[in-house]
């Protein structure tokens, strides 16, 4: 698949959003799929292999660059998915996830 398709690969309601993204791991998996639908590709050297580090970032097997699925997005350098403090509350009560819901469903 070249790109995710609207109406099929994106949640269509707040309830569906919360069902799809019940855990931080669900969110990270989905964001990784959106960013690299054909599998990881290093943003620096385009090498197609890497490994996940303990902090959630991916290290390129070619050049060693470390990156994350949120790098270069509005969630870059924020404390959200992948950080233990966000796991202390139910999904619907996590501020960054609420922001995602607002952006997804209430933008003009």
C-alpha atoms as a PDB file:
ATOM      1  CA  UNK A   1       0.000   0.000   0.000  1.00  0.00           C
ATOM      2  CA  UNK A   2       1.344   3.408  -0.981  1.00  0.00           C
ATOM      3  CA  UNK A   3      -0.639   5.596   1.383  1.00  0.00           C
ATOM      4  CA  UNK A   4      -3.352   5.134   4.006  1.00  0.00           C
ATOM      5  CA  UNK A   5      -6.810   5.994   2.648  1.00  0.00           C
ATOM      6  CA  UNK A   6      -9.291   8.349   4.302  1.00  0.00           C
ATOM      7  CA  UNK A   7     -12.460   6.643   5.464  1.00  0.00           C
ATOM      8  CA  UNK A   8     -10.761   3.274   5.677  1.00  0.00           C
ATOM      9  CA  UNK A   9      -7.500   3.728   7.586  1.00  0.00           C
ATOM     10  CA  UNK A  10      -8.502   6.584   9.896  1.00  0.00           C
ATOM     11  CA  UNK A  11     -11.043   6.466  12.734  1.00  0.00           C
ATOM     12  CA  UNK A  12     -14.341   8.098  11.788  1.00  0.00           C
ATOM     13  CA  UNK A  13     -15.618   9.047  15.234  1.00  0.00           C
ATOM     14  CA  UNK A  14     -14.372   9.793  18.733  1.00  0.00           C
ATOM     15  CA  UNK A  15     -15.618   6.385  19.898  1.00  0.00           C
ATOM     16  CA  UNK A  16     -13.775   4.616  17.103  1.00  0.00           C
ATOM     17  CA  UNK A  17     -10.673   6.691  17.847  1.00  0.00           C
ATOM     18  CA  UNK A  18     -10.696   5.638  21.494  1.00  0.00           C
ATOM     19  CA  UNK A  19     -11.299   1.989  20.521  1.00  0.00           C
ATOM     20  CA  UNK A  20      -8.374   1.964  18.086  1.00  0.00           C
ATOM     21  CA  UNK A  21      -5.955   3.743  20.417  1.00  0.00           C
ATOM     22  CA  UNK A  22      -6.495   2.277  23.869  1.00  0.00           C
ATOM     23  CA  UNK A  23      -2.782   2.084  24.680  1.00  0.00           C
ATOM     24  CA  UNK A  24       0.349   4.062  23.929  1.00  0.00           C
ATOM     25  CA  UNK A  25       1.665   1.065  21.982  1.00  0.00           C
ATOM     26  CA  UNK A  26      -1.457   1.152  19.773  1.00  0.00           C
ATOM     27  CA  UNK A  27      -0.755   4.813  19.021  1.00  0.00           C
ATOM     28  CA  UNK A  28       2.930   4.282  18.279  1.00  0.00           C
ATOM     29  CA  UNK A  29       2.209   1.304  16.004  1.00  0.00           C
ATOM     30  CA  UNK A  30      -0.352   3.317  14.061  1.00  0.00           C
ATOM     31  CA  UNK A  31       1.871   6.383  13.744  1.00  0.00           C
ATOM     32  CA  UNK A  32       4.733   4.174  12.568  1.00  0.00           C
ATOM     33  CA  UNK A  33       2.457   2.619   9.943  1.00  0.00           C
ATOM     34  CA  UNK A  34       1.327   6.076   8.766  1.00  0.00           C
ATOM     35  CA  UNK A  35       4.891   7.351   8.529  1.00  0.00           C
ATOM     36  CA  UNK A  36       6.398   4.247   6.954  1.00  0.00           C
ATOM     37  CA  UNK A  37       3.581   2.214   5.328  1.00  0.00           C
ATOM     38  CA  UNK A  38       6.138   0.036   3.512  1.00  0.00           C
ATOM     39  CA  UNK A  39       8.302  -0.414   6.615  1.00  0.00           C
ATOM     40  CA  UNK A  40      10.960   1.754   8.251  1.00  0.00           C
ATOM     41  CA  UNK A  41      13.099   3.954   5.988  1.00  0.00           C
ATOM     42  CA  UNK A  42      15.760   6.183   7.536  1.00  0.00           C
ATOM     43  CA  UNK A  43      15.004   9.874   6.933  1.00  0.00           C
ATOM     44  CA  UNK A  44      18.733  10.552   6.487  1.00  0.00           C
ATOM     45  CA  UNK A  45      20.068   7.711   4.320  1.00  0.00           C
ATOM     46  CA  UNK A  46      16.839   5.868   3.355  1.00  0.00           C
ATOM     47  CA  UNK A  47      18.236   2.557   4.653  1.00  0.00           C
ATOM     48  CA  UNK A  48      15.337   0.132   5.100  1.00  0.00           C
ATOM     49  CA  UNK A  49      16.366  -1.556   8.346  1.00  0.00           C
ATOM     50  CA  UNK A  50      16.715  -0.502  11.952  1.00  0.00           C
ATOM     51  CA  UNK A  51      15.865  -1.545  15.477  1.00  0.00           C
ATOM     52  CA  UNK A  52      13.780  -0.119  18.270  1.00  0.00           C
ATOM     53  CA  UNK A  53      15.659   1.327  21.237  1.00  0.00           C
ATOM     54  CA  UNK A  54      14.513   1.151  24.858  1.00  0.00           C
ATOM     55  CA  UNK A  55      13.316   4.785  24.685  1.00  0.00           C
ATOM     56  CA  UNK A  56      11.014   4.002  21.739  1.00  0.00           C
ATOM     57  CA  UNK A  57      13.132   5.594  19.030  1.00  0.00           C
ATOM     58  CA  UNK A  58      14.411   3.640  16.032  1.00  0.00           C
ATOM     59  CA  UNK A  59      18.111   3.459  15.197  1.00  0.00           C
ATOM     60  CA  UNK A  60      19.004   3.130  11.528  1.00  0.00           C
ATOM     61  CA  UNK A  61      21.017   0.028  10.652  1.00  0.00           C
ATOM     62  CA  UNK A  62      22.824   1.943   7.903  1.00  0.00           C
ATOM     63  CA  UNK A  63      23.948   5.277   9.336  1.00  0.00           C
ATOM     64  CA  UNK A  64      23.054   4.932  13.032  1.00  0.00           C
ATOM     65  CA  UNK A  65      20.723   7.946  13.067  1.00  0.00           C
ATOM     66  CA  UNK A  66      18.064   7.773  15.763  1.00  0.00           C
ATOM     67  CA  UNK A  67      14.558   8.934  14.983  1.00  0.00           C
ATOM     68  CA  UNK A  68      11.004   8.484  16.188  1.00  0.00           C
ATOM     69  CA  UNK A  69       7.593   8.342  14.568  1.00  0.00           C
ATOM     70  CA  UNK A  70       6.801  11.778  16.004  1.00  0.00           C
ATOM     71  CA  UNK A  71      10.017  13.508  14.797  1.00  0.00           C
ATOM     72  CA  UNK A  72       9.128  16.461  12.597  1.00  0.00           C
ATOM     73  CA  UNK A  73       5.433  16.399  13.549  1.00  0.00           C
ATOM     74  CA  UNK A  74       3.375  18.555  15.909  1.00  0.00           C
ATOM     75  CA  UNK A  75       4.104  15.916  18.592  1.00  0.00           C
ATOM     76  CA  UNK A  76       7.898  16.189  18.190  1.00  0.00           C
ATOM     77  CA  UNK A  77       9.642  16.614  21.549  1.00  0.00           C
ATOM     78  CA  UNK A  78       6.392  16.388  23.526  1.00  0.00           C
ATOM     79  CA  UNK A  79       5.721  14.091  26.423  1.00  0.00           C
ATOM     80  CA  UNK A  80       3.112  11.799  25.010  1.00  0.00           C
ATOM     81  CA  UNK A  81       3.110   8.291  23.661  1.00  0.00           C
ATOM     82  CA  UNK A  82       6.002   6.214  24.854  1.00  0.00           C
ATOM     83  CA  UNK A  83       6.592   8.091  28.086  1.00  0.00           C
ATOM     84  CA  UNK A  84       5.611   6.204  31.267  1.00  0.00           C
ATOM     85  CA  UNK A  85       3.718   9.105  32.937  1.00  0.00           C
ATOM     86  CA  UNK A  86       1.087   8.969  30.178  1.00  0.00           C
ATOM     87  CA  UNK A  87       0.204   5.408  31.195  1.00  0.00           C
ATOM     88  CA  UNK A  88      -1.053   6.418  34.622  1.00  0.00           C
ATOM     89  CA  UNK A  89      -4.520   7.502  33.408  1.00  0.00           C
ATOM     90  CA  UNK A  90      -7.154   6.005  31.100  1.00  0.00           C
ATOM     91  CA  UNK A  91      -6.679   6.791  27.410  1.00  0.00           C
ATOM     92  CA  UNK A  92      -9.514   9.331  27.250  1.00  0.00           C
ATOM     93  CA  UNK A  93      -7.977  11.355  30.101  1.00  0.00           C
ATOM     94  CA  UNK A  94      -4.488  11.770  28.622  1.00  0.00           C
ATOM     95  CA  UNK A  95      -4.064  15.384  27.502  1.00  0.00           C
ATOM     96  CA  UNK A  96      -2.048  14.633  24.352  1.00  0.00           C
ATOM     97  CA  UNK A  97      -4.631  12.094  23.199  1.00  0.00           C
ATOM     98  CA  UNK A  98      -7.403  14.621  23.852  1.00  0.00           C
ATOM     99  CA  UNK A  99      -5.479  17.054  21.650  1.00  0.00           C
ATOM    100  CA  UNK A 100      -5.349  14.449  18.901  1.00  0.00           C
ATOM    101  CA  UNK A 101      -9.103  13.942  19.142  1.00  0.00           C
ATOM    102  CA  UNK A 102      -9.684  17.690  18.949  1.00  0.00           C
ATOM    103  CA  UNK A 103      -7.429  18.033  15.906  1.00  0.00           C
ATOM    104  CA  UNK A 104      -9.020  15.059  14.170  1.00  0.00           C
ATOM    105  CA  UNK A 105     -12.693  15.778  14.709  1.00  0.00           C
ATOM    106  CA  UNK A 106     -13.143  19.446  15.542  1.00  0.00           C
ATOM    107  CA  UNK A 107     -10.954  21.284  13.062  1.00  0.00           C
ATOM    108  CA  UNK A 108     -12.734  23.749  10.817  1.00  0.00           C
END
